[in-house]
N, C-alpha and C. Protein backbone atom coordinates (compact mmCIF):
# COMPACT_ATOMS: atom_id res chain seq x y z
N MET A 1 105.48 38.78 258.27
CA MET A 1 104.36 37.32 258.34
C MET A 1 103.42 37.85 257.20
N ALA A 2 102.87 36.91 256.36
CA ALA A 2 101.89 36.88 255.71
C ALA A 2 100.51 36.92 256.16
N ARG A 3 99.86 37.36 255.63
CA ARG A 3 98.37 37.36 256.48
C ARG A 3 97.63 36.23 255.94
N LYS A 4 97.29 35.29 256.58
CA LYS A 4 96.36 33.98 256.37
C LYS A 4 95.12 34.44 255.64
N GLU A 5 94.77 34.13 254.38
CA GLU A 5 93.60 34.12 253.62
C GLU A 5 92.43 33.96 254.55
N ASP A 6 91.63 34.87 254.25
CA ASP A 6 90.30 34.72 255.28
C ASP A 6 88.95 35.43 254.53
N PRO A 7 88.21 34.73 253.45
CA PRO A 7 87.50 35.29 252.56
C PRO A 7 86.09 35.96 253.49
N ALA A 8 85.78 35.42 254.54
CA ALA A 8 84.84 35.83 255.26
C ALA A 8 85.35 37.33 255.69
N PHE A 9 86.75 37.49 256.53
CA PHE A 9 86.71 38.91 256.71
C PHE A 9 87.17 39.68 255.83
N ASP A 10 87.75 39.39 254.53
CA ASP A 10 87.85 40.15 253.44
C ASP A 10 86.48 40.79 253.11
N ILE A 11 85.40 39.77 252.95
CA ILE A 11 84.06 40.40 252.47
C ILE A 11 83.40 41.19 253.39
N THR A 12 83.64 40.83 254.70
CA THR A 12 83.07 41.93 255.59
C THR A 12 83.72 43.46 255.43
N PHE A 13 85.28 43.12 255.52
CA PHE A 13 86.00 44.39 255.36
C PHE A 13 85.52 45.33 254.06
N TYR A 14 85.50 44.66 252.75
CA TYR A 14 85.07 45.22 251.38
C TYR A 14 83.65 45.74 251.63
N GLU A 15 82.56 44.95 252.00
CA GLU A 15 81.23 45.48 252.17
C GLU A 15 81.37 46.70 252.85
N SER A 16 82.03 46.83 254.16
CA SER A 16 81.95 48.01 254.89
C SER A 16 82.42 49.10 253.65
N VAL A 17 83.40 49.02 253.12
CA VAL A 17 84.16 50.04 252.46
C VAL A 17 82.91 50.54 251.13
N LEU A 18 82.40 49.44 250.71
CA LEU A 18 81.43 49.55 249.91
C LEU A 18 80.15 50.59 250.12
N ARG A 19 79.78 50.38 251.50
CA ARG A 19 78.95 50.92 252.11
C ARG A 19 79.36 52.36 252.38
N ARG A 20 80.50 52.92 252.45
CA ARG A 20 80.79 54.12 252.44
C ARG A 20 81.00 54.75 250.96
N GLU A 21 81.55 53.56 249.89
CA GLU A 21 81.81 54.38 248.94
C GLU A 21 81.40 53.61 247.63
N PRO A 22 79.91 53.72 247.40
CA PRO A 22 79.16 52.56 246.61
C PRO A 22 79.56 52.61 245.32
N ARG A 23 80.36 53.39 244.69
CA ARG A 23 80.80 53.34 243.33
C ARG A 23 81.99 53.16 243.11
N TYR A 24 82.78 52.61 244.04
CA TYR A 24 84.27 52.47 244.37
C TYR A 24 84.62 51.02 243.40
N ALA A 25 84.91 51.19 242.05
CA ALA A 25 85.06 50.14 241.21
C ALA A 25 85.76 48.81 241.65
N ASP A 26 86.73 49.42 242.24
CA ASP A 26 87.89 48.46 242.48
C ASP A 26 87.33 47.26 243.59
N VAL A 27 86.39 47.88 244.60
CA VAL A 27 85.72 47.29 245.54
C VAL A 27 84.87 46.30 245.10
N VAL A 28 83.97 46.81 244.38
CA VAL A 28 83.16 46.03 243.55
C VAL A 28 83.42 44.82 242.91
N GLU A 29 84.74 45.38 242.20
CA GLU A 29 85.23 43.87 241.39
C GLU A 29 85.87 43.00 242.47
N ILE A 30 86.49 43.52 243.67
CA ILE A 30 87.09 42.50 244.44
C ILE A 30 86.06 41.54 244.95
N LEU A 31 84.88 42.33 245.43
CA LEU A 31 83.73 41.65 246.31
C LEU A 31 83.29 40.73 245.16
N GLY A 32 82.93 41.20 244.12
CA GLY A 32 82.23 39.89 243.00
C GLY A 32 83.23 38.69 242.73
N GLY A 33 84.50 38.99 242.81
CA GLY A 33 85.13 37.43 242.85
C GLY A 33 85.33 36.86 244.19
N LEU A 34 85.39 37.57 245.29
CA LEU A 34 85.21 36.71 246.44
C LEU A 34 83.83 36.08 246.74
N TYR A 35 82.78 36.92 246.63
CA TYR A 35 81.29 36.16 246.54
C TYR A 35 81.31 34.90 245.72
N THR A 36 81.81 34.91 244.76
CA THR A 36 81.91 33.73 243.75
C THR A 36 82.78 32.63 244.39
N LYS A 37 83.86 33.22 244.76
CA LYS A 37 84.99 32.11 245.24
C LYS A 37 84.13 31.28 246.28
N VAL A 38 83.31 31.85 247.30
CA VAL A 38 82.56 31.29 248.37
C VAL A 38 81.37 30.84 247.97
N GLY A 39 80.86 30.87 246.85
CA GLY A 39 80.03 30.22 246.40
C GLY A 39 78.54 31.05 246.58
N ARG A 40 78.90 32.11 246.73
CA ARG A 40 77.44 33.03 246.65
C ARG A 40 77.75 33.86 245.15
N VAL A 41 77.26 32.96 244.68
CA VAL A 41 77.33 33.39 243.01
C VAL A 41 76.17 34.28 242.77
N ALA A 42 75.04 34.35 243.07
CA ALA A 42 74.27 35.38 242.86
C ALA A 42 74.50 36.98 243.43
N ASP A 43 75.17 36.96 244.52
CA ASP A 43 75.86 38.20 245.10
C ASP A 43 77.25 38.58 244.08
N GLY A 44 77.89 37.68 243.50
CA GLY A 44 78.88 37.83 242.69
C GLY A 44 78.33 38.48 241.51
N LEU A 45 77.21 38.03 241.00
CA LEU A 45 76.55 38.28 239.61
C LEU A 45 76.12 39.90 239.76
N ARG A 46 75.49 39.98 240.88
CA ARG A 46 74.86 41.63 241.28
C ARG A 46 76.26 42.52 241.16
N MET A 47 77.25 41.89 241.99
CA MET A 47 78.61 42.96 241.66
C MET A 47 79.15 42.99 240.35
N ASP A 48 79.11 41.93 239.46
CA ASP A 48 79.42 41.99 238.04
C ASP A 48 78.26 42.88 237.44
N ARG A 49 77.36 43.00 237.81
CA ARG A 49 76.30 43.90 236.83
C ARG A 49 76.66 45.42 237.27
N LYS A 50 76.96 45.58 238.65
CA LYS A 50 77.20 46.46 239.18
C LYS A 50 78.44 47.54 238.39
N LEU A 51 79.48 46.42 238.12
CA LEU A 51 80.75 46.78 237.65
C LEU A 51 80.50 47.30 236.17
N VAL A 52 79.99 46.53 235.71
CA VAL A 52 79.63 47.14 234.20
C VAL A 52 78.79 48.21 234.16
N ARG A 53 77.98 48.50 234.92
CA ARG A 53 77.48 49.98 234.73
C ARG A 53 78.32 51.11 235.25
N LEU A 54 78.98 50.74 236.40
CA LEU A 54 80.03 51.79 236.54
C LEU A 54 81.23 51.91 235.42
N GLN A 55 81.81 50.76 234.92
CA GLN A 55 82.79 50.95 233.92
C GLN A 55 82.31 50.11 232.51
N PRO A 56 81.43 50.82 231.82
CA PRO A 56 80.71 50.04 230.80
C PRO A 56 81.74 49.82 229.67
N ALA A 57 82.95 50.13 229.50
CA ALA A 57 83.99 49.89 228.39
C ALA A 57 85.21 48.79 229.12
N ASN A 58 85.01 48.36 230.37
CA ASN A 58 85.75 47.59 230.57
C ASN A 58 85.55 46.09 230.63
N ALA A 59 86.66 45.78 229.56
CA ALA A 59 86.64 44.32 228.83
C ALA A 59 86.62 43.40 230.10
N THR A 60 87.25 43.28 230.84
CA THR A 60 87.26 42.16 232.09
C THR A 60 86.08 42.36 232.58
N ALA A 61 85.45 43.48 233.07
CA ALA A 61 84.24 43.25 233.79
C ALA A 61 83.31 42.65 233.11
N HIS A 62 83.17 42.86 231.72
CA HIS A 62 82.01 42.18 230.72
C HIS A 62 82.53 40.65 230.73
N TYR A 63 83.61 40.44 230.65
CA TYR A 63 84.06 38.84 230.71
C TYR A 63 83.55 38.36 232.07
N ASN A 64 84.01 39.05 233.38
CA ASN A 64 83.44 38.36 234.75
C ASN A 64 81.80 38.63 234.74
N LEU A 65 81.33 39.28 234.05
CA LEU A 65 79.95 39.33 234.12
C LEU A 65 79.43 37.60 233.26
N GLY A 66 80.06 37.62 232.10
CA GLY A 66 80.05 36.35 231.34
C GLY A 66 79.91 34.95 232.28
N CYS A 67 80.99 35.25 232.96
CA CYS A 67 81.24 33.91 233.87
C CYS A 67 80.18 34.01 234.76
N SER A 68 79.90 34.71 235.41
CA SER A 68 78.71 34.78 236.50
C SER A 68 77.16 34.23 236.04
N LEU A 69 77.22 34.74 234.64
CA LEU A 69 75.84 34.15 234.07
C LEU A 69 76.26 33.01 233.60
N ALA A 70 77.21 32.43 233.43
CA ALA A 70 77.58 30.98 232.90
C ALA A 70 77.24 30.31 234.23
N LEU A 71 77.43 30.77 235.19
CA LEU A 71 77.44 29.93 236.58
C LEU A 71 75.93 29.99 236.89
N VAL A 72 75.02 30.74 236.67
CA VAL A 72 73.75 30.42 236.93
C VAL A 72 72.77 29.85 235.71
N LYS A 73 73.80 29.38 234.73
CA LYS A 73 73.15 28.94 233.65
C LYS A 73 72.27 29.83 232.66
N ARG A 74 72.96 30.93 232.58
CA ARG A 74 72.16 31.75 231.40
C ARG A 74 72.88 32.07 230.50
N LYS A 75 72.91 30.94 229.63
CA LYS A 75 74.08 30.64 228.56
C LYS A 75 73.78 31.87 227.50
N THR A 76 72.60 32.25 227.22
CA THR A 76 72.71 33.17 226.15
C THR A 76 73.17 34.77 226.53
N ASP A 77 72.70 34.86 227.75
CA ASP A 77 73.18 36.16 228.44
C ASP A 77 74.68 35.98 228.80
N ALA A 78 75.44 35.03 228.88
CA ALA A 78 76.50 34.86 229.40
C ALA A 78 77.57 35.33 227.81
N LEU A 79 76.98 34.37 226.96
CA LEU A 79 77.59 34.40 225.55
C LEU A 79 77.48 36.00 224.93
N ARG A 80 76.42 36.37 225.60
CA ARG A 80 76.13 38.00 224.87
C ARG A 80 77.47 38.84 225.97
N ALA A 81 77.46 38.53 227.00
CA ALA A 81 78.48 39.45 227.73
C ALA A 81 79.97 39.08 227.33
N LEU A 82 80.32 38.05 227.14
CA LEU A 82 81.58 37.26 226.44
C LEU A 82 81.89 37.97 225.03
N ARG A 83 80.78 37.97 224.07
CA ARG A 83 81.02 38.78 222.85
C ARG A 83 81.39 40.33 223.24
N ARG A 84 80.74 40.89 224.14
CA ARG A 84 81.00 42.41 224.48
C ARG A 84 82.35 42.44 224.93
N ALA A 85 82.71 41.60 225.89
CA ALA A 85 84.26 41.69 226.27
C ALA A 85 85.09 41.49 224.99
N ILE A 86 84.98 40.62 224.50
CA ILE A 86 86.00 40.52 223.35
C ILE A 86 85.55 41.87 222.35
N GLU A 87 84.76 42.36 222.32
CA GLU A 87 84.40 43.77 221.25
C GLU A 87 85.34 44.68 221.94
N LEU A 88 85.46 44.57 223.36
CA LEU A 88 85.95 45.93 224.21
C LEU A 88 87.53 45.47 224.18
N GLY A 89 88.23 44.26 223.90
CA GLY A 89 89.22 44.01 223.84
C GLY A 89 89.91 42.94 224.44
N TYR A 90 88.95 41.89 225.07
CA TYR A 90 89.30 40.86 225.83
C TYR A 90 89.91 40.10 224.93
N THR A 91 91.19 39.40 225.14
CA THR A 91 92.08 38.60 224.08
C THR A 91 92.31 37.25 224.74
N ASP A 92 92.35 36.95 226.09
CA ASP A 92 93.09 35.74 226.74
C ASP A 92 92.15 34.74 226.44
N ARG A 93 92.63 34.06 225.11
CA ARG A 93 91.72 32.84 224.54
C ARG A 93 92.13 31.72 225.23
N ARG A 94 93.52 31.56 225.72
CA ARG A 94 93.83 30.40 226.59
C ARG A 94 92.85 30.23 227.86
N TRP A 95 92.67 31.41 228.55
CA TRP A 95 92.34 31.16 229.86
C TRP A 95 90.41 31.05 229.44
N MET A 96 90.09 31.58 228.60
CA MET A 96 88.63 31.57 228.12
C MET A 96 88.10 30.06 228.11
N ALA A 97 89.36 29.38 227.38
CA ALA A 97 89.06 28.01 226.83
C ALA A 97 89.05 27.16 228.32
N GLU A 98 89.72 27.65 229.11
CA GLU A 98 90.21 26.93 230.22
C GLU A 98 89.25 27.35 231.65
N ASP A 99 88.79 28.35 231.41
CA ASP A 99 88.01 28.81 232.94
C ASP A 99 87.09 28.17 233.16
N PRO A 100 87.02 27.51 234.30
CA PRO A 100 86.08 26.72 235.16
C PRO A 100 84.73 27.16 235.37
N ASP A 101 84.72 28.48 235.23
CA ASP A 101 83.35 29.11 235.39
C ASP A 101 82.60 29.02 234.19
N LEU A 102 83.48 28.73 232.79
CA LEU A 102 82.66 28.93 231.47
C LEU A 102 82.54 27.42 231.08
N ALA A 103 82.58 26.27 232.00
CA ALA A 103 82.43 24.99 231.66
C ALA A 103 81.30 24.60 230.96
N GLY A 104 80.09 25.24 231.46
CA GLY A 104 78.72 24.79 230.93
C GLY A 104 78.77 25.26 229.61
N LEU A 105 79.45 26.19 229.06
CA LEU A 105 79.42 26.84 227.65
C LEU A 105 80.16 26.08 226.84
N ARG A 106 80.97 25.14 227.09
CA ARG A 106 81.96 24.71 226.24
C ARG A 106 81.51 23.88 225.23
N LYS A 107 80.39 23.26 225.11
CA LYS A 107 79.77 22.37 224.18
C LYS A 107 78.78 23.33 223.31
N SER A 108 78.83 24.34 223.53
CA SER A 108 77.99 25.45 222.79
C SER A 108 78.66 25.85 221.44
N PRO A 109 77.94 25.73 220.30
CA PRO A 109 78.58 26.18 219.06
C PRO A 109 79.10 27.44 218.80
N ALA A 110 78.05 28.31 219.72
CA ALA A 110 78.39 29.80 219.61
C ALA A 110 79.55 29.97 220.41
N PHE A 111 79.81 29.20 221.62
CA PHE A 111 80.95 29.58 222.42
C PHE A 111 82.27 28.81 221.73
N VAL A 112 82.46 28.04 220.95
CA VAL A 112 83.37 27.36 219.98
C VAL A 112 83.91 28.47 218.97
N ALA A 113 82.55 28.90 218.48
CA ALA A 113 83.20 29.96 217.40
C ALA A 113 83.72 31.31 217.69
N MET A 114 83.33 31.56 219.13
CA MET A 114 83.76 32.74 219.61
C MET A 114 85.50 32.59 220.09
N LEU A 115 85.47 31.48 220.52
CA LEU A 115 87.17 30.97 220.92
C LEU A 115 87.87 30.80 219.48
N ASP A 116 87.22 30.17 218.51
CA ASP A 116 87.98 30.17 217.12
C ASP A 116 88.15 31.51 216.53
N ALA A 117 87.32 32.34 216.71
CA ALA A 117 87.50 33.66 216.23
C ALA A 117 88.47 34.56 216.83
N LEU A 118 89.11 34.36 218.39
CA LEU A 118 89.98 34.87 218.96
C LEU A 118 91.50 34.52 218.40
N LYS A 119 92.19 35.14 218.22
CA LYS A 119 93.70 34.77 217.55
C LYS A 119 94.41 34.23 218.68
N PRO A 120 94.91 33.16 218.48
CA PRO A 120 96.00 32.54 219.34
C PRO A 120 96.80 33.63 219.78
N GLU A 121 97.29 33.59 221.07
CA GLU A 121 98.46 34.68 221.50
C GLU A 121 99.82 33.64 221.46
N ASN A 122 100.63 34.48 220.71
CA ASN A 122 102.22 34.04 220.59
C ASN A 122 102.81 33.91 221.86
């Protein structure tokens, strides 16, 4: 039998793990996503920043940071994080164009140029 999804339970569980292992990058990433999912965007942003500090070469971490920054309407910082994600190898142009977290950037000429510069996937 599959476990019913319960973000509050998951958050409590992963927070307890993180208290014991504050540099556990996988848990930091999971918590960032969970916080954002339940509307705790500032907490999600905090986790995304922490993950970028723990894994500065992780393209997905920079992408997620860009998403969190876009959600708090820090467009310049969001674009900077997304550019860094691309520099590190992020290539999912289709998701970047559709990601609801980035809706606030879609009309930005810098965002459009960033998407145009990404090669379409085959």
